[in-house]
């Protein structure tokens, strides 16, 4: 734990700086599934940082690919007619992996930008098709869609929208696992006024909730019946986290757009993007849609693209997508061993290398700060987990072993024991 006697100038995201400014947890290096603090202590990274270190830390092939690219062409814009070989190669490769027809790839620098890109493109698509009134964007309750302007407005986590005003007045949230609620909302608003429905396959920051059986297939069908664009937010679920390239393949989905980020580079450099299906791309690529007047300065950044390509090589060569399939059961079983603990209310998981331990209602009622306190207690025992609302979330690198999963469970149990003393 780093102590800053004179405070810090770094404003941490999602942090109460009145508390954080004097004491921080300083990570200085990482290797495999392990991170190290500034005192040399080792911790198992049970969260893959923020869901993204899918290939693990310290992969020299990714580092060397980025360094080699920087020696050749470190950075250059892809606005207008400019391009570069790495951006072209990455777009072609991602399009080939995507479960949509004739995919086009719009690159951003992160998941939040990807969400805003997809939201703007959904509305512009309908405007170019002669339906500018189709502006409503629907999403699931408890969904997290980033913290950019439109993503904040679309998101279903109330605390993340509080205080910012009406960032997206035509955003409507529906019950998270109720397909009938989506149908009723579309029909109440009028399908002719709805642009798109955004859905995380597994709700991430909203508490880590796998979908109810049949839910995703049902909402995709409702969108098709009402001619509403279906946008899958696979920022967390992509690149092996639930066992497939874009997550949605697990449920046989073929969305109109897919947002991605995080695991596409395993976090080595910032990258996100949108897979755009042929239907949405058509007016802009073969029709009279004109320019999509939107984009990030670092879109198509050649060094970032080189890192992504090297990361995809690692995921393929080491069969890490299959690894997620192999380990989702053992992770879920390990976490379920905590179900009878008096500090535990519920255990969630079984869909990819993701899991959550919900704290018991009486513990939460007695101590509103129980979740962050539990997270620190687990960290003191050598494992990093993430506090999410009323739960502790686990999403380790895909390179983790079953014995290392056991270390996560041991630290959780010991940390929870300490909560009750």
Protein backbone atom coordinates (compact mmCIF):
# COMPACT_ATOMS: atom_id res chain seq x y z
CA UNK A 1 0.00 0.00 0.00
CA UNK A 2 1.50 3.31 -1.05
CA UNK A 3 1.09 6.25 1.32
CA UNK A 4 1.11 9.73 -0.19
CA UNK A 5 1.88 12.15 2.68
CA UNK A 6 1.31 15.20 0.50
CA UNK A 7 -1.56 13.66 -1.43
CA UNK A 8 -1.67 12.67 -5.08
CA UNK A 9 -2.36 14.67 -8.23
CA UNK A 10 -3.88 11.62 -9.94
CA UNK A 11 -7.70 11.68 -9.94
CA UNK A 12 -8.76 8.03 -9.86
CA UNK A 13 -11.89 6.94 -11.78
CA UNK A 14 -14.84 5.82 -9.64
CA UNK A 15 -12.97 6.83 -6.48
CA UNK A 16 -13.80 9.00 -3.48
CA UNK A 17 -10.62 11.05 -3.62
CA UNK A 18 -11.15 12.37 -0.10
CA UNK A 19 -10.31 8.81 1.00
CA UNK A 20 -7.98 7.63 -1.77
CA UNK A 21 -5.69 10.66 -1.88
CA UNK A 22 -3.69 9.68 1.20
CA UNK A 23 -3.33 5.95 0.59
CA UNK A 24 -3.19 4.05 -2.69
CA UNK A 25 -2.51 0.49 -3.79
CA UNK A 26 0.45 0.88 -6.15
CA UNK A 27 1.02 -1.86 -8.74
CA UNK A 28 4.57 -1.81 -10.07
CA UNK A 29 4.90 -4.91 -12.27
CA UNK A 30 3.04 -7.99 -13.47
CA UNK A 31 3.74 -11.43 -14.92
CA UNK A 32 1.26 -14.11 -15.97
CA UNK A 33 -1.65 -14.00 -13.52
CA UNK A 34 0.36 -12.18 -10.86
CA UNK A 35 0.81 -8.52 -9.99
CA UNK A 36 3.26 -6.95 -7.53
CA UNK A 37 2.93 -3.89 -5.34
CA UNK A 38 5.59 -1.31 -4.52
CA UNK A 39 6.62 -3.31 -1.47
CA UNK A 40 7.33 -6.38 -3.56
CA UNK A 41 4.31 -8.37 -2.39
CA UNK A 42 2.67 -10.67 -4.94
CA UNK A 43 -1.09 -10.88 -5.60
CA UNK A 44 -3.11 -13.14 -7.87
CA UNK A 45 -4.93 -10.89 -10.34
CA UNK A 46 -8.42 -12.30 -9.96
CA UNK A 47 -9.93 -9.58 -12.15
CA UNK A 48 -7.53 -9.46 -15.13
CA UNK A 49 -7.28 -5.78 -14.15
CA UNK A 50 -10.56 -4.35 -15.51
CA UNK A 51 -11.72 -7.56 -17.23
CA UNK A 52 -9.11 -7.23 -19.98
CA UNK A 53 -5.83 -9.12 -19.38
CA UNK A 54 -7.18 -12.19 -21.17
CA UNK A 55 -3.77 -13.40 -22.38
CA UNK A 56 -2.13 -12.63 -19.04
CA UNK A 57 0.53 -10.09 -18.14
CA UNK A 58 4.05 -9.73 -19.53
CA UNK A 59 3.55 -11.36 -22.95
CA UNK A 60 6.79 -10.53 -24.73
CA UNK A 61 5.36 -11.24 -28.19
CA UNK A 62 2.77 -8.49 -27.78
CA UNK A 63 5.32 -6.08 -26.37
CA UNK A 64 7.79 -6.78 -29.16
CA UNK A 65 5.14 -6.42 -31.87
CA UNK A 66 4.26 -2.96 -30.57
CA UNK A 67 7.91 -1.94 -30.30
CA UNK A 68 8.69 -3.15 -33.82
CA UNK A 69 5.73 -1.23 -35.21
CA UNK A 70 6.82 1.96 -33.43
CA UNK A 71 10.19 1.76 -35.14
CA UNK A 72 8.45 1.59 -38.52
CA UNK A 73 5.37 3.80 -38.11
CA UNK A 74 4.40 4.65 -34.55
CA UNK A 75 1.19 6.55 -35.30
CA UNK A 76 -0.77 8.10 -38.09
CA UNK A 77 -4.40 9.08 -38.65
CA UNK A 78 -6.83 7.03 -40.73
CA UNK A 79 -9.23 9.94 -41.32
CA UNK A 80 -10.54 10.47 -44.86
CA UNK A 81 -8.49 8.36 -47.32
CA UNK A 82 -5.46 7.73 -45.05
CA UNK A 83 -4.73 4.20 -43.89
CA UNK A 84 -1.86 1.99 -42.73
CA UNK A 85 -1.05 -1.72 -43.14
CA UNK A 86 -1.63 -2.75 -39.52
CA UNK A 87 -5.06 -1.10 -39.27
CA UNK A 88 -6.10 -2.74 -42.54
CA UNK A 89 -4.82 -6.14 -41.41
CA UNK A 90 -6.59 -5.91 -38.07
CA UNK A 91 -9.90 -4.83 -39.60
CA UNK A 92 -9.77 -7.68 -42.10
CA UNK A 93 -8.97 -10.21 -39.40
CA UNK A 94 -11.70 -9.02 -37.03
CA UNK A 95 -14.25 -8.93 -39.85
CA UNK A 96 -13.39 -12.54 -40.65
CA UNK A 97 -13.93 -13.61 -37.04
CA UNK A 98 -17.18 -11.70 -36.53
CA UNK A 99 -20.52 -13.57 -36.65
CA UNK A 100 -22.14 -11.12 -39.08
CA UNK A 101 -22.29 -10.88 -42.86
CA UNK A 102 -19.79 -8.72 -44.75
CA UNK A 103 -18.66 -7.00 -41.55
CA UNK A 104 -17.02 -3.58 -41.45
CA UNK A 105 -14.86 -2.51 -38.50
CA UNK A 106 -14.90 1.00 -37.03
CA UNK A 107 -11.96 1.35 -34.63
CA UNK A 108 -11.94 3.48 -31.47
CA UNK A 109 -9.68 3.75 -28.44
CA UNK A 110 -11.91 1.98 -25.92
CA UNK A 111 -15.28 0.53 -25.07
CA UNK A 112 -16.93 3.81 -24.13
CA UNK A 113 -16.07 5.30 -27.52
CA UNK A 114 -17.33 2.13 -29.17
CA UNK A 115 -20.72 2.48 -27.47
CA UNK A 116 -21.06 6.14 -28.45
CA UNK A 117 -20.06 5.22 -32.00
CA UNK A 118 -22.71 2.51 -32.23
CA UNK A 119 -25.41 4.74 -30.72
CA UNK A 120 -24.72 7.59 -33.13
CA UNK A 121 -24.48 5.22 -36.06
CA UNK A 122 -27.80 3.57 -35.15
CA UNK A 123 -29.59 6.90 -35.23
CA UNK A 124 -27.79 8.11 -38.34
CA UNK A 125 -28.60 4.87 -40.15
CA UNK A 126 -32.31 5.45 -39.67
CA UNK A 127 -32.01 9.11 -40.61
CA UNK A 128 -30.24 8.16 -43.84
CA UNK A 129 -33.00 5.61 -44.51
CA UNK A 130 -35.56 8.39 -44.23
CA UNK A 131 -36.67 7.74 -40.64
CA UNK A 132 -35.10 10.47 -38.47
CA UNK A 133 -37.85 9.94 -35.89
CA UNK A 134 -36.28 6.62 -34.87
CA UNK A 135 -34.19 7.99 -31.99
CA UNK A 136 -35.12 5.91 -28.93
CA UNK A 137 -32.37 3.63 -27.66
CA UNK A 138 -33.36 0.84 -25.29
CA UNK A 139 -31.14 -1.06 -22.85
CA UNK A 140 -31.29 -3.52 -19.96
CA UNK A 141 -31.61 -2.48 -16.34
CA UNK A 142 -28.27 -2.84 -14.49
CA UNK A 143 -26.37 -2.59 -17.78
CA UNK A 144 -23.06 -0.76 -18.01
CA UNK A 145 -22.28 0.86 -21.34
CA UNK A 146 -19.26 2.97 -20.47
CA UNK A 147 -19.01 6.50 -19.14
CA UNK A 148 -18.93 8.60 -22.28
CA UNK A 149 -21.92 10.86 -22.82
CA UNK A 150 -24.23 8.58 -24.77
CA UNK A 151 -23.06 5.46 -22.94
CA UNK A 152 -23.86 7.08 -19.60
CA UNK A 153 -27.31 7.96 -20.88
CA UNK A 154 -27.94 4.45 -22.19
CA UNK A 155 -26.59 2.65 -19.11
CA UNK A 156 -28.83 0.98 -16.58
CA UNK A 157 -26.82 1.64 -13.42
CA UNK A 158 -28.67 4.53 -11.79
CA UNK A 159 -25.73 5.72 -9.69
CA UNK A 160 -23.64 6.26 -12.82
CA UNK A 161 -26.24 8.66 -14.27
CA UNK A 162 -27.03 10.62 -11.12
CA UNK A 163 -26.04 14.29 -11.19
CA UNK A 164 -25.19 14.60 -14.88
CA UNK A 165 -28.58 15.67 -16.17
CA UNK A 166 -30.41 14.22 -19.15
CA UNK A 167 -27.53 13.12 -21.37
CA UNK A 168 -29.78 11.10 -23.66
CA UNK A 169 -33.47 11.93 -23.21
CA UNK A 170 -34.64 9.21 -25.61
CA UNK A 171 -32.97 6.39 -23.64
CA UNK A 172 -35.29 3.85 -22.02
CA UNK A 173 -34.30 0.96 -19.76
CA UNK A 174 -36.24 -2.30 -19.47
CA UNK A 175 -36.12 -5.10 -16.89
CA UNK A 176 -32.84 -6.90 -17.38
CA UNK A 177 -33.99 -10.50 -18.00
CA UNK A 178 -37.57 -9.94 -19.13
CA UNK A 179 -38.00 -10.25 -22.89
CA UNK A 180 -41.69 -9.41 -22.58
CA UNK A 181 -40.72 -6.08 -21.01
CA UNK A 182 -38.71 -5.26 -24.13
CA UNK A 183 -41.61 -6.18 -26.40
CA UNK A 184 -44.05 -4.10 -24.35
CA UNK A 185 -41.71 -1.09 -24.36
CA UNK A 186 -41.17 -1.23 -28.13
CA UNK A 187 -44.91 -1.47 -28.70
CA UNK A 188 -45.67 1.32 -26.21
CA UNK A 189 -43.17 3.71 -27.80
CA UNK A 190 -43.98 2.53 -31.30
CA UNK A 191 -41.38 0.53 -33.22
CA UNK A 192 -41.30 3.34 -35.78
CA UNK A 193 -39.65 5.54 -33.10
CA UNK A 194 -37.09 3.02 -31.79
CA UNK A 195 -33.58 2.98 -33.23
CA UNK A 196 -31.85 0.19 -31.35
CA UNK A 197 -31.66 -2.14 -28.36
CA UNK A 198 -28.28 -2.42 -26.60
CA UNK A 199 -27.54 -5.57 -24.56
CA UNK A 200 -24.54 -6.93 -22.70
CA UNK A 201 -24.66 -10.73 -23.08
CA UNK A 202 -23.50 -11.03 -19.46
CA UNK A 203 -24.18 -7.95 -17.34
CA UNK A 204 -20.75 -6.94 -16.08
CA UNK A 205 -20.32 -3.89 -13.88
CA UNK A 206 -24.01 -4.07 -12.94
CA UNK A 207 -23.24 -7.04 -10.69
CA UNK A 208 -22.12 -9.81 -13.05
CA UNK A 209 -25.39 -11.48 -13.99
CA UNK A 210 -25.39 -14.22 -16.68
CA UNK A 211 -28.51 -14.10 -18.87
CA UNK A 212 -31.51 -16.21 -18.01
CA UNK A 213 -31.84 -19.20 -20.38
CA UNK A 214 -33.44 -18.15 -23.67
CA UNK A 215 -33.42 -14.43 -22.86
CA UNK A 216 -30.88 -13.27 -25.44
CA UNK A 217 -32.39 -15.37 -28.20
CA UNK A 218 -35.83 -13.95 -27.35
CA UNK A 219 -34.79 -10.29 -27.43
CA UNK A 220 -32.93 -10.80 -30.71
CA UNK A 221 -36.15 -12.22 -32.18
CA UNK A 222 -38.19 -9.29 -30.85
CA UNK A 223 -35.77 -6.82 -32.43
CA UNK A 224 -36.01 -8.64 -35.76
CA UNK A 225 -39.82 -8.73 -35.64
CA UNK A 226 -40.02 -4.99 -34.97
CA UNK A 227 -37.13 -4.00 -37.26
CA UNK A 228 -35.14 -2.58 -34.31
CA UNK A 229 -31.34 -2.70 -34.56
CA UNK A 230 -29.82 -5.19 -32.11
CA UNK A 231 -26.48 -4.03 -30.69
CA UNK A 232 -24.47 -6.47 -28.57
CA UNK A 233 -22.12 -4.81 -26.08
CA UNK A 234 -19.34 -7.41 -25.98
CA UNK A 235 -16.71 -5.15 -24.45
CA UNK A 236 -16.37 -7.57 -21.51
CA UNK A 237 -17.60 -10.80 -23.09
CA UNK A 238 -15.40 -10.76 -26.18
CA UNK A 239 -12.08 -12.40 -27.02
CA UNK A 240 -12.46 -15.54 -25.01
CA UNK A 241 -14.07 -14.32 -21.81
CA UNK A 242 -17.16 -16.49 -22.44
CA UNK A 243 -15.43 -18.91 -24.81
CA UNK A 244 -15.88 -17.30 -28.24
CA UNK A 245 -14.41 -14.41 -30.19
CA UNK A 246 -17.25 -11.96 -29.67
CA UNK A 247 -19.23 -13.66 -26.93
CA UNK A 248 -22.51 -13.61 -28.86
CA UNK A 249 -21.70 -16.78 -30.81
CA UNK A 250 -22.36 -18.75 -27.63
CA UNK A 251 -26.07 -17.97 -28.04
CA UNK A 252 -26.15 -18.15 -31.85
CA UNK A 253 -26.73 -14.40 -32.15
CA UNK A 254 -26.02 -12.34 -35.26
CA UNK A 255 -26.38 -8.70 -34.11
CA UNK A 256 -26.55 -5.68 -36.38
CA UNK A 257 -23.57 -4.24 -34.47
CA UNK A 258 -21.14 -5.54 -31.85
CA UNK A 259 -19.05 -3.26 -29.65
CA UNK A 260 -15.71 -4.58 -28.45
CA UNK A 261 -12.59 -3.50 -26.54
CA UNK A 262 -10.60 -4.86 -23.54
CA UNK A 263 -9.60 -8.40 -24.55
CA UNK A 264 -8.89 -7.41 -28.16
CA UNK A 265 -5.43 -6.32 -27.01
CA UNK A 266 -5.55 -7.96 -23.56
CA UNK A 267 -5.17 -4.38 -22.36
CA UNK A 268 -1.61 -3.93 -23.63
CA UNK A 269 -2.70 -0.80 -25.49
CA UNK A 270 -6.09 0.97 -25.57
CA UNK A 271 -8.34 -0.22 -28.39
CA UNK A 272 -12.04 -0.61 -29.03
CA UNK A 273 -14.35 -0.71 -31.96
CA UNK A 274 -17.65 -1.61 -33.55
CA UNK A 275 -18.36 -4.53 -35.82
CA UNK A 276 -20.95 -3.18 -38.25
CA UNK A 277 -23.08 -5.63 -40.18
CA UNK A 278 -23.85 -5.23 -43.86
CA UNK A 279 -27.34 -3.83 -43.28
CA UNK A 280 -26.14 -0.84 -41.25
CA UNK A 281 -23.02 -0.27 -43.35
CA UNK A 282 -24.79 -0.41 -46.71
CA UNK A 283 -26.07 3.19 -46.96
CA UNK A 284 -22.59 4.51 -46.18
CA UNK A 285 -20.53 2.05 -48.22
CA UNK A 286 -22.70 1.53 -51.30
CA UNK A 287 -25.47 4.08 -51.12
CA UNK A 288 -25.97 7.80 -50.67
CA UNK A 289 -25.43 7.92 -46.90
CA UNK A 290 -22.46 10.24 -47.15
CA UNK A 291 -19.76 10.57 -44.54
CA UNK A 292 -20.14 9.33 -40.97
CA UNK A 293 -18.89 12.52 -39.34
CA UNK A 294 -17.50 10.83 -36.27
CA UNK A 295 -14.18 9.37 -35.17
CA UNK A 296 -11.35 9.28 -32.65
CA UNK A 297 -7.97 10.88 -33.27
CA UNK A 298 -6.25 7.57 -32.57
CA UNK A 299 -8.62 5.37 -34.57
CA UNK A 300 -6.61 2.81 -36.54
CA UNK A 301 -3.43 3.59 -34.58
CA UNK A 302 -0.82 1.30 -36.16
CA UNK A 303 1.04 0.47 -32.94
CA UNK A 304 -2.16 -0.42 -31.15
CA UNK A 305 -3.28 -2.49 -34.13
CA UNK A 306 0.04 -4.36 -34.10
CA UNK A 307 -0.46 -5.19 -30.42
CA UNK A 308 -3.99 -6.43 -31.13
CA UNK A 309 -2.79 -8.67 -33.96
CA UNK A 310 -0.12 -10.19 -31.73
CA UNK A 311 -2.68 -10.72 -28.98
CA UNK A 312 -5.05 -12.49 -31.39
CA UNK A 313 -2.13 -14.74 -32.35
CA UNK A 314 -1.63 -15.66 -28.68
CA UNK A 315 -5.32 -16.37 -28.14
CA UNK A 316 -5.36 -18.63 -31.19
CA UNK A 317 -2.02 -20.37 -30.71
CA UNK A 318 -2.66 -21.23 -27.08
CA UNK A 319 -6.35 -22.10 -27.62
CA UNK A 320 -7.34 -19.67 -24.88
CA UNK A 321 -10.93 -19.45 -26.06
CA UNK A 322 -11.26 -23.17 -25.40
CA UNK A 323 -9.50 -22.61 -22.08
CA UNK A 324 -12.37 -20.41 -20.95
CA UNK A 325 -14.79 -23.23 -21.77
CA UNK A 326 -12.67 -25.70 -19.83
CA UNK A 327 -12.37 -23.52 -16.75
CA UNK A 328 -15.84 -21.98 -16.45
CA UNK A 329 -17.11 -25.08 -14.66
CA UNK A 330 -14.20 -25.37 -12.19
CA UNK A 331 -14.41 -21.64 -11.41
CA UNK A 332 -18.13 -21.82 -10.78
CA UNK A 333 -17.79 -24.92 -8.62
CA UNK A 334 -14.99 -23.30 -6.62
CA UNK A 335 -17.07 -20.21 -5.96
CA UNK A 336 -20.14 -22.29 -5.14
CA UNK A 337 -18.17 -23.84 -2.30
CA UNK A 338 -18.67 -20.47 -0.57
CA UNK A 339 -22.46 -20.57 -0.88
CA UNK A 340 -22.98 -21.75 2.69
CA UNK A 341 -20.74 -19.12 4.22
CA UNK A 342 -22.67 -16.85 6.62
CA UNK A 343 -21.34 -13.74 4.84
CA UNK A 344 -22.57 -14.94 1.42
CA UNK A 345 -26.04 -14.38 -0.01
CA UNK A 346 -25.62 -15.76 -3.56
CA UNK A 347 -22.99 -17.09 -5.95
CA UNK A 348 -23.26 -16.37 -9.70
CA UNK A 349 -21.28 -17.79 -12.60
CA UNK A 350 -21.15 -20.69 -15.03
CA UNK A 351 -21.02 -18.54 -18.15
CA UNK A 352 -17.41 -18.09 -19.18
CA UNK A 353 -14.54 -17.22 -16.90
CA UNK A 354 -16.67 -14.90 -14.81
CA UNK A 355 -18.15 -15.18 -11.34
CA UNK A 356 -19.52 -13.15 -8.44
CA UNK A 357 -20.06 -13.67 -4.74
CA UNK A 358 -22.98 -11.62 -3.43
CA UNK A 359 -22.71 -10.65 0.23
CA UNK A 360 -25.47 -11.63 2.63
CA UNK A 361 -28.33 -9.09 2.95
CA UNK A 362 -28.00 -8.81 6.74
CA UNK A 363 -24.29 -8.08 6.46
CA UNK A 364 -24.95 -5.39 3.84
CA UNK A 365 -27.72 -3.87 5.97
CA UNK A 366 -25.50 -3.79 9.03
CA UNK A 367 -22.46 -2.38 7.21
CA UNK A 368 -23.03 -0.29 4.02
CA UNK A 369 -19.27 -0.40 3.44
CA UNK A 370 -19.11 -4.19 3.64
CA UNK A 371 -18.24 -4.81 -0.02
CA UNK A 372 -15.14 -2.58 -0.24
CA UNK A 373 -14.10 -3.80 3.20
CA UNK A 374 -14.41 -7.41 2.03
CA UNK A 375 -12.44 -6.61 -1.13
CA UNK A 376 -9.58 -5.24 0.95
CA UNK A 377 -9.70 -8.23 3.29
CA UNK A 378 -9.35 -10.58 0.32
CA UNK A 379 -6.52 -8.48 -1.11
CA UNK A 380 -4.71 -8.61 2.22
CA UNK A 381 -4.69 -12.37 1.67
CA UNK A 382 -3.00 -12.07 -1.71
CA UNK A 383 -5.85 -12.03 -4.24
CA UNK A 384 -7.38 -9.09 -6.11
CA UNK A 385 -11.15 -9.22 -6.64
CA UNK A 386 -13.47 -6.40 -7.69
CA UNK A 387 -16.22 -4.78 -5.63
CA UNK A 388 -19.38 -4.46 -7.75
CA UNK A 389 -22.40 -3.06 -5.97
CA UNK A 390 -23.29 -5.73 -3.41
CA UNK A 391 -20.91 -8.39 -4.74
CA UNK A 392 -17.27 -9.32 -5.23
CA UNK A 393 -16.51 -10.16 -8.87
CA UNK A 394 -13.93 -12.54 -10.30
CA UNK A 395 -12.69 -12.54 -13.92
CA UNK A 396 -9.09 -13.85 -14.02
CA UNK A 397 -6.82 -14.07 -17.07
CA UNK A 398 -7.65 -16.98 -19.36
CA UNK A 399 -4.19 -18.37 -18.58
CA UNK A 400 -5.10 -19.18 -14.97
CA UNK A 401 -4.84 -22.78 -13.75
CA UNK A 402 -7.28 -24.78 -11.63
CA UNK A 403 -4.87 -24.67 -8.69
CA UNK A 404 -4.70 -20.88 -8.95
CA UNK A 405 -8.52 -20.76 -9.02
CA UNK A 406 -8.31 -22.55 -5.69
CA UNK A 407 -6.15 -19.73 -4.34
CA UNK A 408 -8.91 -17.26 -5.24
CA UNK A 409 -11.48 -19.28 -3.34
CA UNK A 410 -9.21 -19.69 -0.32
CA UNK A 411 -8.57 -15.94 -0.12
CA UNK A 412 -12.28 -15.17 -0.51
CA UNK A 413 -13.16 -17.57 2.30
CA UNK A 414 -10.49 -16.21 4.62
CA UNK A 415 -11.41 -12.62 3.82
CA UNK A 416 -15.09 -13.28 4.45
CA UNK A 417 -14.22 -15.05 7.72
CA UNK A 418 -12.40 -11.90 8.80
CA UNK A 419 -15.50 -9.84 8.05
CA UNK A 420 -17.43 -11.72 10.74
CA UNK A 421 -14.89 -11.43 13.54
